Amino acid sequence: MMDFTAEQVERYSRHILLSDVGVEGQERISRGRALVVGAGGLGAPVLLYLAAAGVGTLGVIDGDTVDLSNLQRQVIHFTPDVGKPKVLSAKEKINRLNPDVNVVTHHSLFTADNAFDIIRDYDFVIDGTDNFPAKFLINDACVLAGKPFSHGGILRFDGQTFTHLPGTACYRCAFHSPPPPNAVPSCAQAGVLGAIAGMLGAIQAAEVLKFFTGAGELLTDRLLTFNARTMNFRTVSFKRNPSCPVCGAHPVITGLEESAQATCELKRK
């Protein structure tokens, strides 16, 4: 059992007051190790909420630097951070928010070569990426390594997320492979409402905290989607696919490979 200081008891008091969390749940959060892949639109709110909650170790991997266009939605980065590595910017804010948290930075891309080495040290992985090759790579690495993860995706006014635990449906069970060229644009091409990132990132952070504490029901075998134009939320159940190429009965994906990012040419009318 951890011995919380009086300051920590006060900091986490609203968690400790919850009957489904309590002191034991906060201890599990404080021992937890979560990796956020991408310190952008989704990763920013996830990192802030997990840091505020006192997750013991937060890993963040991102090879990019802060750009002025990021600030519309990537709330962990501020104007003076433009040009700074995102992982460094994120670490500085987390340290200021909660010095209890150990921040491990990986200033690089998440690739087939480093994926297993990086996720090995974490209990839970959060997909905060903005492209399909990275999402499929995270899925395959986590499934093959037996790691739980949260999928998240946003575009325009829409968001979607689900949680994978070993033995439950994975990303390829629902979406077999990356889309072909000109099928789906990126946020950089089609735009995204900034607040959508915060909405979905907060949901992903909640899933991580539920995983660590055991409170509530995780979004396993369920895809949560929402549209901010109408504020309609929908949950669609989907099952593990016996023919899934990575988690099915006869998997054909037994190692990691990276696919090319498909581009989409948007034609203005």
Protein backbone atom coordinates (compact mmCIF):
# COMPACT_ATOMS: atom_id res chain seq x y z
CA MET A 1 0.00 0.00 0.00
CA MET A 2 1.25 3.46 -0.89
CA ASP A 3 1.55 6.14 1.75
CA PHE A 4 0.04 9.27 0.27
CA THR A 5 1.19 12.57 1.71
CA ALA A 6 -1.38 15.03 3.03
CA GLU A 7 -0.87 17.09 -0.12
CA GLN A 8 -1.52 14.07 -2.34
CA VAL A 9 -4.64 13.15 -0.38
CA GLU A 10 -5.93 16.66 -0.99
CA ARG A 11 -4.90 16.64 -4.66
CA TYR A 12 -6.69 13.35 -5.37
CA SER A 13 -9.52 13.81 -2.86
CA ARG A 14 -12.27 13.84 -5.49
CA HIS A 15 -11.11 10.47 -6.74
CA ILE A 16 -10.75 9.08 -3.24
CA LEU A 17 -14.32 10.15 -2.43
CA LEU A 18 -15.67 8.00 -5.27
CA SER A 19 -16.85 4.65 -3.94
CA ASP A 20 -15.69 2.93 -7.16
CA VAL A 21 -12.19 4.39 -6.84
CA GLY A 22 -11.24 5.22 -3.24
CA VAL A 23 -7.71 5.05 -1.89
CA GLU A 24 -7.01 1.67 -3.48
CA GLY A 25 -8.10 2.88 -6.88
CA GLN A 26 -5.94 5.97 -6.61
CA GLU A 27 -3.02 3.76 -5.63
CA ARG A 28 -3.54 1.73 -8.81
CA ILE A 29 -3.63 4.94 -10.84
CA SER A 30 -0.42 6.09 -9.19
CA ARG A 31 1.28 2.80 -10.06
CA GLY A 32 -0.07 2.84 -13.62
CA ARG A 33 2.08 3.26 -16.70
CA ALA A 34 0.42 4.64 -19.84
CA LEU A 35 1.91 5.44 -23.25
CA VAL A 36 0.37 8.12 -25.44
CA VAL A 37 1.29 7.79 -29.10
CA GLY A 38 1.07 11.30 -30.51
CA ALA A 39 1.14 14.56 -28.57
CA GLY A 40 -1.35 16.26 -30.86
CA GLY A 41 -5.09 16.88 -30.85
CA LEU A 42 -6.06 13.70 -29.00
CA GLY A 43 -2.83 13.16 -27.10
CA ALA A 44 -2.89 16.66 -25.59
CA PRO A 45 -6.12 16.29 -23.54
CA VAL A 46 -5.33 12.67 -22.75
CA LEU A 47 -1.96 13.65 -21.29
CA LEU A 48 -3.41 16.54 -19.28
CA TYR A 49 -6.20 14.47 -17.74
CA LEU A 50 -3.99 11.49 -16.97
CA ALA A 51 -1.37 13.79 -15.44
CA ALA A 52 -4.02 15.52 -13.35
CA ALA A 53 -5.29 12.12 -12.20
CA GLY A 54 -1.81 11.15 -11.01
CA VAL A 55 -0.93 8.32 -13.39
CA GLY A 56 2.50 7.25 -12.13
CA THR A 57 4.33 7.10 -15.44
CA LEU A 58 3.28 8.79 -18.65
CA GLY A 59 5.16 7.98 -21.81
CA VAL A 60 4.72 10.21 -24.83
CA ILE A 61 6.08 9.51 -28.30
CA ASP A 62 6.01 12.05 -31.11
CA GLY A 63 8.64 13.03 -33.65
CA ASP A 64 7.07 16.36 -34.58
CA THR A 65 7.55 19.96 -33.45
CA VAL A 66 4.84 22.42 -32.45
CA ASP A 67 3.35 24.33 -35.38
CA LEU A 68 1.14 27.41 -35.15
CA SER A 69 -1.73 25.51 -36.78
CA ASN A 70 -1.59 22.95 -33.94
CA LEU A 71 -2.67 25.45 -31.29
CA GLN A 72 -6.32 25.47 -32.41
CA ARG A 73 -6.83 22.06 -30.77
CA GLN A 74 -3.58 20.74 -29.21
CA VAL A 75 -4.21 22.33 -25.83
CA ILE A 76 -1.04 21.13 -24.12
CA HIS A 77 1.04 23.41 -26.37
CA PHE A 78 1.18 27.21 -26.07
CA THR A 79 2.22 29.95 -28.50
CA PRO A 80 5.80 30.22 -27.14
CA ASP A 81 6.20 26.48 -27.83
CA VAL A 82 6.07 26.90 -31.62
CA GLY A 83 9.13 25.17 -33.05
CA LYS A 84 9.73 23.11 -29.91
CA PRO A 85 9.56 19.28 -29.95
CA LYS A 86 6.05 18.29 -28.94
CA VAL A 87 7.27 15.75 -26.41
CA LEU A 88 9.34 18.41 -24.63
CA SER A 89 6.46 20.90 -24.66
CA ALA A 90 4.12 18.24 -23.27
CA LYS A 91 6.56 17.21 -20.56
CA GLU A 92 6.97 20.79 -19.38
CA LYS A 93 3.20 21.24 -18.94
CA ILE A 94 2.78 17.88 -17.21
CA ASN A 95 5.58 18.67 -14.76
CA ARG A 96 3.95 22.00 -13.94
CA LEU A 97 0.52 20.41 -13.54
CA ASN A 98 1.55 17.45 -11.40
CA PRO A 99 5.13 16.84 -10.19
CA ASP A 100 4.07 13.38 -8.98
CA VAL A 101 4.08 12.10 -12.56
CA ASN A 102 7.17 10.56 -14.13
CA VAL A 103 7.25 11.64 -17.79
CA VAL A 104 9.18 9.53 -20.29
CA THR A 105 9.66 11.17 -23.68
CA HIS A 106 10.37 9.47 -27.00
CA HIS A 107 11.19 12.12 -29.61
CA SER A 108 10.72 9.89 -32.61
CA LEU A 109 8.09 8.38 -34.84
CA PHE A 110 6.29 5.21 -33.72
CA THR A 111 7.61 2.65 -36.20
CA ALA A 112 7.71 -1.07 -36.84
CA ASP A 113 11.31 -1.05 -35.67
CA ASN A 114 10.74 0.53 -32.24
CA ALA A 115 7.11 -0.30 -31.44
CA PHE A 116 7.66 -3.45 -29.38
CA ASP A 117 10.59 -1.99 -27.46
CA ILE A 118 8.58 1.08 -26.50
CA ILE A 119 5.22 -0.44 -25.56
CA ARG A 120 6.89 -3.20 -23.52
CA ASP A 121 7.27 -0.91 -20.49
CA TYR A 122 3.64 0.25 -20.36
CA ASP A 123 0.35 -1.16 -19.07
CA PHE A 124 -1.90 0.68 -21.51
CA VAL A 125 -1.42 2.41 -24.88
CA ILE A 126 -3.44 5.35 -26.20
CA ASP A 127 -3.71 5.99 -29.93
CA GLY A 128 -3.54 9.76 -30.44
CA THR A 129 -2.36 9.59 -34.04
CA ASP A 130 -3.92 11.20 -37.11
CA ASN A 131 -3.16 8.73 -39.91
CA PHE A 132 -4.24 5.22 -40.78
CA PRO A 133 -0.83 3.53 -41.10
CA ALA A 134 0.00 4.56 -37.51
CA LYS A 135 -3.37 3.35 -36.23
CA PHE A 136 -2.97 -0.07 -37.82
CA LEU A 137 0.61 -0.27 -36.56
CA ILE A 138 -0.49 0.52 -32.99
CA ASN A 139 -3.25 -2.08 -33.25
CA ASP A 140 -0.96 -4.81 -34.57
CA ALA A 141 1.81 -4.09 -32.06
CA CYS A 142 -0.57 -4.08 -29.11
CA VAL A 143 -2.45 -7.20 -30.21
CA LEU A 144 0.76 -9.14 -30.82
CA ALA A 145 2.26 -7.94 -27.51
CA GLY A 146 -0.94 -8.50 -25.53
CA LYS A 147 -1.26 -4.83 -24.58
CA PRO A 148 -4.58 -3.03 -23.98
CA PHE A 149 -5.10 0.14 -25.99
CA SER A 150 -7.60 2.89 -26.76
CA HIS A 151 -8.29 3.74 -30.39
CA GLY A 152 -9.33 7.28 -31.25
CA GLY A 153 -10.01 9.12 -34.48
CA ILE A 154 -11.42 12.55 -35.36
CA LEU A 155 -12.27 14.37 -38.58
CA ARG A 156 -14.33 17.48 -39.27
CA PHE A 157 -17.15 17.25 -36.67
CA ASP A 158 -16.90 13.51 -35.98
CA GLY A 159 -15.11 11.31 -33.48
CA GLN A 160 -14.86 7.60 -32.79
CA THR A 161 -13.23 5.42 -30.16
CA PHE A 162 -13.15 1.94 -28.68
CA THR A 163 -11.00 0.05 -26.21
CA HIS A 164 -9.17 -3.20 -26.89
CA LEU A 165 -8.22 -5.73 -24.26
CA PRO A 166 -6.51 -9.02 -25.10
CA GLY A 167 -9.23 -11.35 -26.34
CA THR A 168 -11.64 -8.62 -27.46
CA ALA A 169 -12.24 -7.17 -30.92
CA CYS A 170 -9.36 -5.18 -32.37
CA TYR A 171 -9.15 -2.39 -34.96
CA ARG A 172 -8.71 -4.83 -37.83
CA CYS A 173 -11.84 -6.71 -36.75
CA ALA A 174 -13.83 -3.61 -37.70
CA PHE A 175 -11.55 -2.06 -40.34
CA HIS A 176 -9.60 -4.77 -42.14
CA SER A 177 -6.91 -2.59 -43.74
CA PRO A 178 -6.03 1.06 -44.44
CA PRO A 179 -8.34 2.80 -46.92
CA PRO A 180 -7.25 3.27 -50.54
CA PRO A 181 -6.06 6.63 -51.89
CA ASN A 182 -8.73 9.35 -52.19
CA ALA A 183 -11.07 7.50 -49.81
CA VAL A 184 -10.62 9.50 -46.60
CA PRO A 185 -8.97 12.92 -46.21
CA SER A 186 -6.82 13.88 -43.24
CA CYS A 187 -7.56 16.63 -40.72
CA ALA A 188 -4.92 18.74 -42.44
CA GLN A 189 -6.84 18.39 -45.69
CA ALA A 190 -10.47 18.46 -44.53
CA GLY A 191 -10.24 20.32 -41.22
CA VAL A 192 -11.46 19.48 -37.73
CA LEU A 193 -13.40 21.39 -35.09
CA GLY A 194 -10.87 21.98 -32.35
CA ALA A 195 -13.13 21.05 -29.45
CA ILE A 196 -13.75 17.59 -30.99
CA ALA A 197 -10.22 16.63 -29.99
CA GLY A 198 -10.93 17.54 -26.38
CA MET A 199 -14.22 15.66 -26.35
CA LEU A 200 -12.73 12.45 -27.64
CA GLY A 201 -9.46 12.78 -25.72
CA ALA A 202 -11.40 13.10 -22.47
CA ILE A 203 -13.28 9.89 -23.27
CA GLN A 204 -10.02 8.07 -23.98
CA ALA A 205 -8.53 9.34 -20.71
CA ALA A 206 -11.60 8.10 -18.85
CA GLU A 207 -11.12 4.65 -20.39
CA VAL A 208 -7.53 4.56 -19.12
CA LEU A 209 -8.57 5.51 -15.59
CA LYS A 210 -11.38 2.94 -15.65
CA PHE A 211 -8.86 0.33 -16.77
CA PHE A 212 -6.49 1.14 -13.90
CA THR A 213 -9.20 1.30 -11.22
CA GLY A 214 -11.56 -1.39 -12.49
CA ALA A 215 -14.48 1.04 -12.26
CA GLY A 216 -17.32 0.87 -14.77
CA GLU A 217 -17.44 -0.88 -18.13
CA LEU A 218 -14.82 -0.36 -20.81
CA LEU A 219 -15.65 0.28 -24.47
CA THR A 220 -14.60 -3.21 -25.49
CA ASP A 221 -16.41 -4.76 -28.46
CA ARG A 222 -18.20 -1.41 -28.86
CA LEU A 223 -17.44 1.49 -31.20
CA LEU A 224 -18.53 4.86 -29.81
CA THR A 225 -19.13 7.53 -32.45
CA PHE A 226 -20.41 11.06 -32.19
CA ASN A 227 -21.17 14.05 -34.39
CA ALA A 228 -20.77 17.47 -32.83
CA ARG A 229 -23.11 19.16 -35.32
CA THR A 230 -26.06 17.34 -33.80
CA MET A 231 -24.45 16.09 -30.57
CA ASN A 232 -25.69 12.63 -31.40
CA PHE A 233 -23.72 9.83 -29.75
CA ARG A 234 -24.03 6.24 -30.93
CA THR A 235 -22.55 2.99 -29.68
CA VAL A 236 -22.31 0.10 -32.14
CA SER A 237 -21.43 -3.38 -30.94
CA PHE A 238 -18.99 -5.42 -32.97
CA LYS A 239 -17.43 -8.79 -32.32
CA ARG A 240 -14.00 -10.26 -32.65
CA ASN A 241 -13.66 -11.45 -36.23
CA PRO A 242 -12.58 -15.12 -36.47
CA SER A 243 -11.00 -14.22 -39.84
CA CYS A 244 -9.15 -11.15 -38.50
CA PRO A 245 -5.64 -11.18 -39.98
CA VAL A 246 -4.00 -10.34 -36.65
CA CYS A 247 -6.21 -11.68 -33.84
CA GLY A 248 -8.29 -14.29 -35.67
CA ALA A 249 -8.13 -18.06 -35.53
CA HIS A 250 -5.49 -18.23 -38.26
CA PRO A 251 -3.58 -14.94 -38.18
CA VAL A 252 -1.45 -14.00 -41.16
CA ILE A 253 0.06 -10.93 -39.50
CA THR A 254 2.70 -12.20 -37.10
CA GLY A 255 5.11 -9.28 -37.28
CA LEU A 256 5.01 -5.55 -37.83
CA GLU A 257 4.98 -3.83 -41.19
CA GLU A 258 4.32 -0.20 -42.06
CA SER A 259 1.97 0.80 -44.83
CA ALA A 260 2.20 4.02 -46.79
CA GLN A 261 -0.10 6.90 -45.95
CA ALA A 262 -2.78 7.16 -48.62
CA THR A 263 -3.36 10.70 -49.84
CA CYS A 264 -6.69 12.22 -50.75
CA GLU A 265 -7.04 14.92 -53.35
CA LEU A 266 -9.90 17.20 -52.32
CA LYS A 267 -11.52 19.05 -55.19
CA ARG A 268 -13.02 22.42 -54.39
CA LYS A 269 -16.30 23.23 -56.11
